[in-house]
Amino acid sequence: MRTCGGCSGDVDARFRFCPWCGAPQRLKLVEFFHPHPLVESDQGKALRVSRYLGGEAVLHVRLSVWSDGPAPRAEAAISLDEEEAERLTRFLAEPSTVQSTQA
């Protein structure tokens, strides 16, 4: 059991909201990103990025690939700690000055 930050009641770890006061037990931001329209193999998929901000959750960023369909589902997911999330941010923000080599 953990203690709710809103009402100090006991909350089972499986609950996302306190059953007594309704306070969220973890805070996160979620954004979906669509695939490149010209890459056919990625159509029907999306990238979901979740940033966990605190509460009872450990601070981290979670990336997951979702498939579209009658029952959308995550195909794969990985969590990054804050240091790796910052490194990913720099990688995406800075234009590459190194030319890629072709195999």
N, C-alpha and C. Protein backbone atom coordinates (compact mmCIF):
# COMPACT_ATOMS: atom_id res chain seq x y z
N MET A 1 0.84 -1.19 0.00
CA MET A 1 0.00 0.00 0.00
C MET A 1 0.88 1.25 0.00
N ARG A 2 0.37 2.27 -0.62
CA ARG A 2 1.05 3.56 -0.59
C ARG A 2 0.07 4.59 -0.05
N THR A 3 0.58 5.75 0.26
CA THR A 3 -0.24 6.81 0.83
C THR A 3 -0.57 7.85 -0.24
N CYS A 4 -1.82 8.23 -0.34
CA CYS A 4 -2.25 9.24 -1.30
C CYS A 4 -1.71 10.61 -0.88
N GLY A 5 -1.17 11.34 -1.85
CA GLY A 5 -0.68 12.68 -1.58
C GLY A 5 -1.80 13.68 -1.38
N GLY A 6 -3.02 13.33 -1.81
CA GLY A 6 -4.15 14.24 -1.68
C GLY A 6 -4.86 14.16 -0.34
N CYS A 7 -5.15 12.92 0.11
CA CYS A 7 -5.94 12.77 1.34
C CYS A 7 -5.25 11.94 2.41
N SER A 8 -4.07 11.41 2.12
CA SER A 8 -3.29 10.57 3.03
C SER A 8 -3.91 9.20 3.28
N GLY A 9 -4.91 8.83 2.46
CA GLY A 9 -5.51 7.50 2.59
C GLY A 9 -4.61 6.44 1.98
N ASP A 10 -4.86 5.19 2.37
CA ASP A 10 -4.10 4.09 1.81
C ASP A 10 -4.64 3.75 0.42
N VAL A 11 -3.70 3.58 -0.54
CA VAL A 11 -4.07 3.29 -1.92
C VAL A 11 -3.24 2.12 -2.41
N ASP A 12 -3.91 1.11 -2.95
CA ASP A 12 -3.22 -0.03 -3.54
C ASP A 12 -2.40 0.45 -4.73
N ALA A 13 -1.22 -0.10 -4.94
CA ALA A 13 -0.30 0.35 -5.98
C ALA A 13 -0.88 0.21 -7.39
N ARG A 14 -1.87 -0.67 -7.58
CA ARG A 14 -2.45 -0.86 -8.92
C ARG A 14 -3.40 0.26 -9.32
N PHE A 15 -3.82 1.10 -8.37
CA PHE A 15 -4.75 2.19 -8.68
C PHE A 15 -4.01 3.41 -9.21
N ARG A 16 -4.55 4.00 -10.29
CA ARG A 16 -3.99 5.23 -10.84
C ARG A 16 -4.58 6.47 -10.16
N PHE A 17 -5.75 6.30 -9.56
CA PHE A 17 -6.42 7.39 -8.85
C PHE A 17 -6.79 6.89 -7.45
N CYS A 18 -6.78 7.79 -6.50
CA CYS A 18 -7.16 7.45 -5.14
C CYS A 18 -8.66 7.12 -5.10
N PRO A 19 -9.05 5.96 -4.55
CA PRO A 19 -10.47 5.63 -4.48
C PRO A 19 -11.23 6.49 -3.46
N TRP A 20 -10.51 7.20 -2.60
CA TRP A 20 -11.15 7.99 -1.55
C TRP A 20 -11.38 9.44 -2.00
N CYS A 21 -10.38 10.04 -2.65
CA CYS A 21 -10.53 11.46 -3.02
C CYS A 21 -10.42 11.71 -4.52
N GLY A 22 -10.02 10.69 -5.29
CA GLY A 22 -9.91 10.84 -6.73
C GLY A 22 -8.62 11.47 -7.23
N ALA A 23 -7.69 11.76 -6.35
CA ALA A 23 -6.43 12.40 -6.76
C ALA A 23 -5.61 11.43 -7.61
N PRO A 24 -4.99 11.93 -8.70
CA PRO A 24 -4.13 11.05 -9.51
C PRO A 24 -2.92 10.62 -8.69
N GLN A 25 -2.54 9.36 -8.85
CA GLN A 25 -1.40 8.82 -8.12
C GLN A 25 -0.10 8.92 -8.90
N ARG A 26 -0.22 9.26 -10.16
CA ARG A 26 0.96 9.55 -10.97
C ARG A 26 0.56 10.62 -11.97
N LEU A 27 1.50 11.46 -12.28
CA LEU A 27 1.26 12.54 -13.22
C LEU A 27 2.10 12.31 -14.46
N LYS A 28 1.47 12.45 -15.63
CA LYS A 28 2.23 12.25 -16.86
C LYS A 28 1.63 13.08 -17.99
N LEU A 29 2.49 13.37 -18.94
CA LEU A 29 2.07 14.01 -20.19
C LEU A 29 2.20 12.95 -21.27
N VAL A 30 1.24 12.92 -22.20
CA VAL A 30 1.25 11.93 -23.27
C VAL A 30 1.05 12.64 -24.60
N GLU A 31 1.85 12.24 -25.59
CA GLU A 31 1.72 12.80 -26.94
C GLU A 31 1.90 11.65 -27.93
N PHE A 32 1.07 11.67 -28.99
CA PHE A 32 1.19 10.69 -30.07
C PHE A 32 1.83 11.36 -31.28
N PHE A 33 2.67 10.61 -31.99
CA PHE A 33 3.32 11.11 -33.20
C PHE A 33 3.00 10.16 -34.34
N HIS A 34 2.61 10.73 -35.48
CA HIS A 34 2.23 9.94 -36.66
C HIS A 34 3.47 9.60 -37.47
N PRO A 35 3.43 8.49 -38.22
CA PRO A 35 4.58 8.10 -39.03
C PRO A 35 4.73 8.99 -40.26
N HIS A 36 5.90 8.93 -40.86
CA HIS A 36 6.16 9.65 -42.10
C HIS A 36 5.21 9.10 -43.17
N PRO A 37 4.52 9.98 -43.90
CA PRO A 37 3.52 9.50 -44.86
C PRO A 37 4.07 8.71 -46.04
N LEU A 38 5.37 8.84 -46.32
CA LEU A 38 5.94 8.14 -47.47
C LEU A 38 6.62 6.82 -47.10
N VAL A 39 6.66 6.50 -45.84
CA VAL A 39 7.25 5.22 -45.41
C VAL A 39 6.11 4.24 -45.20
N GLU A 40 5.87 3.42 -46.22
CA GLU A 40 4.70 2.55 -46.23
C GLU A 40 4.68 1.54 -45.09
N SER A 41 5.82 1.02 -44.71
CA SER A 41 5.85 0.00 -43.66
C SER A 41 5.43 0.53 -42.29
N ASP A 42 5.41 1.85 -42.13
CA ASP A 42 5.05 2.43 -40.84
C ASP A 42 3.59 2.88 -40.77
N GLN A 43 2.86 2.76 -41.87
CA GLN A 43 1.47 3.20 -41.87
C GLN A 43 0.66 2.32 -40.91
N GLY A 44 -0.29 2.93 -40.24
CA GLY A 44 -1.10 2.21 -39.26
C GLY A 44 -0.43 2.10 -37.91
N LYS A 45 0.66 2.85 -37.72
CA LYS A 45 1.37 2.83 -36.44
C LYS A 45 1.50 4.25 -35.93
N ALA A 46 1.82 4.38 -34.65
CA ALA A 46 2.07 5.68 -34.05
C ALA A 46 3.11 5.51 -32.94
N LEU A 47 3.80 6.59 -32.65
CA LEU A 47 4.74 6.61 -31.53
C LEU A 47 4.06 7.35 -30.39
N ARG A 48 3.98 6.71 -29.25
CA ARG A 48 3.42 7.35 -28.06
C ARG A 48 4.58 7.66 -27.12
N VAL A 49 4.66 8.92 -26.69
CA VAL A 49 5.70 9.34 -25.76
C VAL A 49 5.02 9.81 -24.48
N SER A 50 5.38 9.20 -23.37
CA SER A 50 4.81 9.56 -22.06
C SER A 50 5.93 10.06 -21.17
N ARG A 51 5.74 11.21 -20.55
CA ARG A 51 6.71 11.74 -19.59
C ARG A 51 6.05 11.70 -18.22
N TYR A 52 6.60 10.87 -17.34
CA TYR A 52 6.09 10.75 -15.98
C TYR A 52 6.72 11.84 -15.13
N LEU A 53 5.88 12.62 -14.46
CA LEU A 53 6.34 13.83 -13.79
C LEU A 53 6.54 13.69 -12.30
N GLY A 54 6.00 12.69 -11.72
CA GLY A 54 6.19 12.57 -10.27
C GLY A 54 5.05 11.83 -9.62
N GLY A 55 4.71 12.27 -8.43
CA GLY A 55 3.76 11.49 -7.66
C GLY A 55 4.49 10.25 -7.17
N GLU A 56 3.83 9.12 -7.25
CA GLU A 56 4.44 7.86 -6.83
C GLU A 56 5.31 7.25 -7.92
N ALA A 57 5.17 7.74 -9.16
CA ALA A 57 5.94 7.17 -10.26
C ALA A 57 7.38 7.69 -10.26
N VAL A 58 8.28 6.85 -10.70
CA VAL A 58 9.67 7.25 -10.88
C VAL A 58 9.72 8.16 -12.11
N LEU A 59 10.48 9.25 -12.02
CA LEU A 59 10.62 10.14 -13.17
C LEU A 59 11.27 9.40 -14.32
N HIS A 60 10.58 9.36 -15.46
CA HIS A 60 11.13 8.74 -16.64
C HIS A 60 10.31 9.12 -17.86
N VAL A 61 10.83 8.77 -19.03
CA VAL A 61 10.13 8.96 -20.29
C VAL A 61 9.93 7.57 -20.88
N ARG A 62 8.72 7.29 -21.35
CA ARG A 62 8.41 5.99 -21.93
C ARG A 62 8.02 6.17 -23.39
N LEU A 63 8.68 5.42 -24.27
CA LEU A 63 8.39 5.44 -25.70
C LEU A 63 7.74 4.11 -26.06
N SER A 64 6.64 4.16 -26.81
CA SER A 64 6.00 2.93 -27.23
C SER A 64 5.49 3.08 -28.66
N VAL A 65 5.56 1.98 -29.41
CA VAL A 65 5.06 1.93 -30.78
C VAL A 65 3.71 1.24 -30.74
N TRP A 66 2.69 1.92 -31.27
CA TRP A 66 1.32 1.42 -31.25
C TRP A 66 0.86 1.07 -32.64
N SER A 67 0.12 -0.04 -32.76
CA SER A 67 -0.50 -0.44 -34.01
C SER A 67 -1.97 -0.03 -33.98
N ASP A 68 -2.41 0.47 -35.12
CA ASP A 68 -3.81 0.85 -35.28
C ASP A 68 -4.62 -0.43 -35.54
N GLY A 69 -5.91 -0.31 -35.46
CA GLY A 69 -6.77 -1.45 -35.77
C GLY A 69 -7.95 -1.47 -34.84
N PRO A 70 -8.73 -2.56 -34.89
CA PRO A 70 -9.93 -2.64 -34.05
C PRO A 70 -9.59 -2.61 -32.55
N ALA A 71 -8.42 -3.12 -32.21
CA ALA A 71 -7.96 -3.09 -30.82
C ALA A 71 -6.53 -2.57 -30.81
N PRO A 72 -6.33 -1.24 -30.83
CA PRO A 72 -4.97 -0.70 -30.82
C PRO A 72 -4.16 -1.27 -29.66
N ARG A 73 -2.89 -1.56 -29.92
CA ARG A 73 -2.05 -2.14 -28.87
C ARG A 73 -0.60 -1.70 -29.05
N ALA A 74 0.12 -1.75 -27.96
CA ALA A 74 1.55 -1.42 -27.99
C ALA A 74 2.31 -2.64 -28.49
N GLU A 75 3.14 -2.43 -29.50
CA GLU A 75 3.98 -3.51 -30.03
C GLU A 75 5.28 -3.62 -29.25
N ALA A 76 5.80 -2.48 -28.80
CA ALA A 76 7.05 -2.46 -28.06
C ALA A 76 7.11 -1.18 -27.24
N ALA A 77 7.85 -1.22 -26.16
CA ALA A 77 7.99 -0.03 -25.31
C ALA A 77 9.33 -0.07 -24.60
N ILE A 78 9.83 1.12 -24.28
CA ILE A 78 11.07 1.23 -23.52
C ILE A 78 10.99 2.50 -22.68
N SER A 79 11.53 2.43 -21.48
CA SER A 79 11.57 3.59 -20.60
C SER A 79 13.00 4.12 -20.55
N LEU A 80 13.12 5.44 -20.59
CA LEU A 80 14.41 6.11 -20.51
C LEU A 80 14.48 6.89 -19.21
N ASP A 81 15.64 6.84 -18.55
CA ASP A 81 15.81 7.71 -17.39
C ASP A 81 16.01 9.15 -17.88
N GLU A 82 16.05 10.07 -16.97
CA GLU A 82 16.13 11.49 -17.34
C GLU A 82 17.38 11.81 -18.16
N GLU A 83 18.50 11.19 -17.84
CA GLU A 83 19.75 11.46 -18.57
C GLU A 83 19.63 10.99 -20.03
N GLU A 84 19.10 9.81 -20.24
CA GLU A 84 18.93 9.30 -21.61
C GLU A 84 17.87 10.11 -22.37
N ALA A 85 16.81 10.55 -21.68
CA ALA A 85 15.79 11.37 -22.33
C ALA A 85 16.38 12.70 -22.79
N GLU A 86 17.27 13.28 -21.99
CA GLU A 86 17.94 14.52 -22.39
C GLU A 86 18.85 14.29 -23.57
N ARG A 87 19.54 13.15 -23.60
CA ARG A 87 20.40 12.81 -24.73
C ARG A 87 19.58 12.64 -26.00
N LEU A 88 18.42 12.00 -25.89
CA LEU A 88 17.53 11.85 -27.05
C LEU A 88 17.05 13.21 -27.53
N THR A 89 16.73 14.10 -26.62
CA THR A 89 16.30 15.46 -26.97
C THR A 89 17.38 16.17 -27.77
N ARG A 90 18.62 16.09 -27.31
CA ARG A 90 19.73 16.73 -28.02
C ARG A 90 19.91 16.12 -29.41
N PHE A 91 19.79 14.81 -29.49
CA PHE A 91 19.95 14.12 -30.77
C PHE A 91 18.90 14.59 -31.78
N LEU A 92 17.68 14.74 -31.34
CA LEU A 92 16.60 15.16 -32.24
C LEU A 92 16.66 16.65 -32.54
N ALA A 93 17.18 17.45 -31.62
CA ALA A 93 17.18 18.90 -31.80
C ALA A 93 18.34 19.40 -32.66
N GLU A 94 19.46 18.74 -32.60
CA GLU A 94 20.65 19.20 -33.31
C GLU A 94 20.75 18.54 -34.67
N PRO A 95 20.94 19.34 -35.73
CA PRO A 95 21.14 18.71 -37.05
C PRO A 95 22.44 17.92 -37.04
N SER A 96 22.41 16.81 -37.71
CA SER A 96 23.58 15.94 -37.75
C SER A 96 24.69 16.59 -38.57
N THR A 97 25.86 16.64 -38.00
CA THR A 97 27.02 17.18 -38.74
C THR A 97 27.88 16.03 -39.25
N VAL A 98 27.52 14.82 -38.86
CA VAL A 98 28.28 13.65 -39.29
C VAL A 98 27.49 12.98 -40.42
N GLN A 99 28.17 12.73 -41.52
CA GLN A 99 27.50 12.06 -42.63
C GLN A 99 27.40 10.58 -42.32
N SER A 100 26.24 10.01 -42.59
CA SER A 100 26.07 8.59 -42.33
C SER A 100 26.81 7.79 -43.39
N THR A 101 27.28 6.62 -42.99
CA THR A 101 27.94 5.74 -43.93
C THR A 101 26.94 4.71 -44.40
N GLN A 102 27.04 4.33 -45.64
CA GLN A 102 26.13 3.33 -46.17
C GLN A 102 26.83 2.00 -46.19
N ALA A 103 26.10 0.98 -45.76
CA ALA A 103 26.67 -0.36 -45.70
C ALA A 103 26.44 -1.11 -47.00
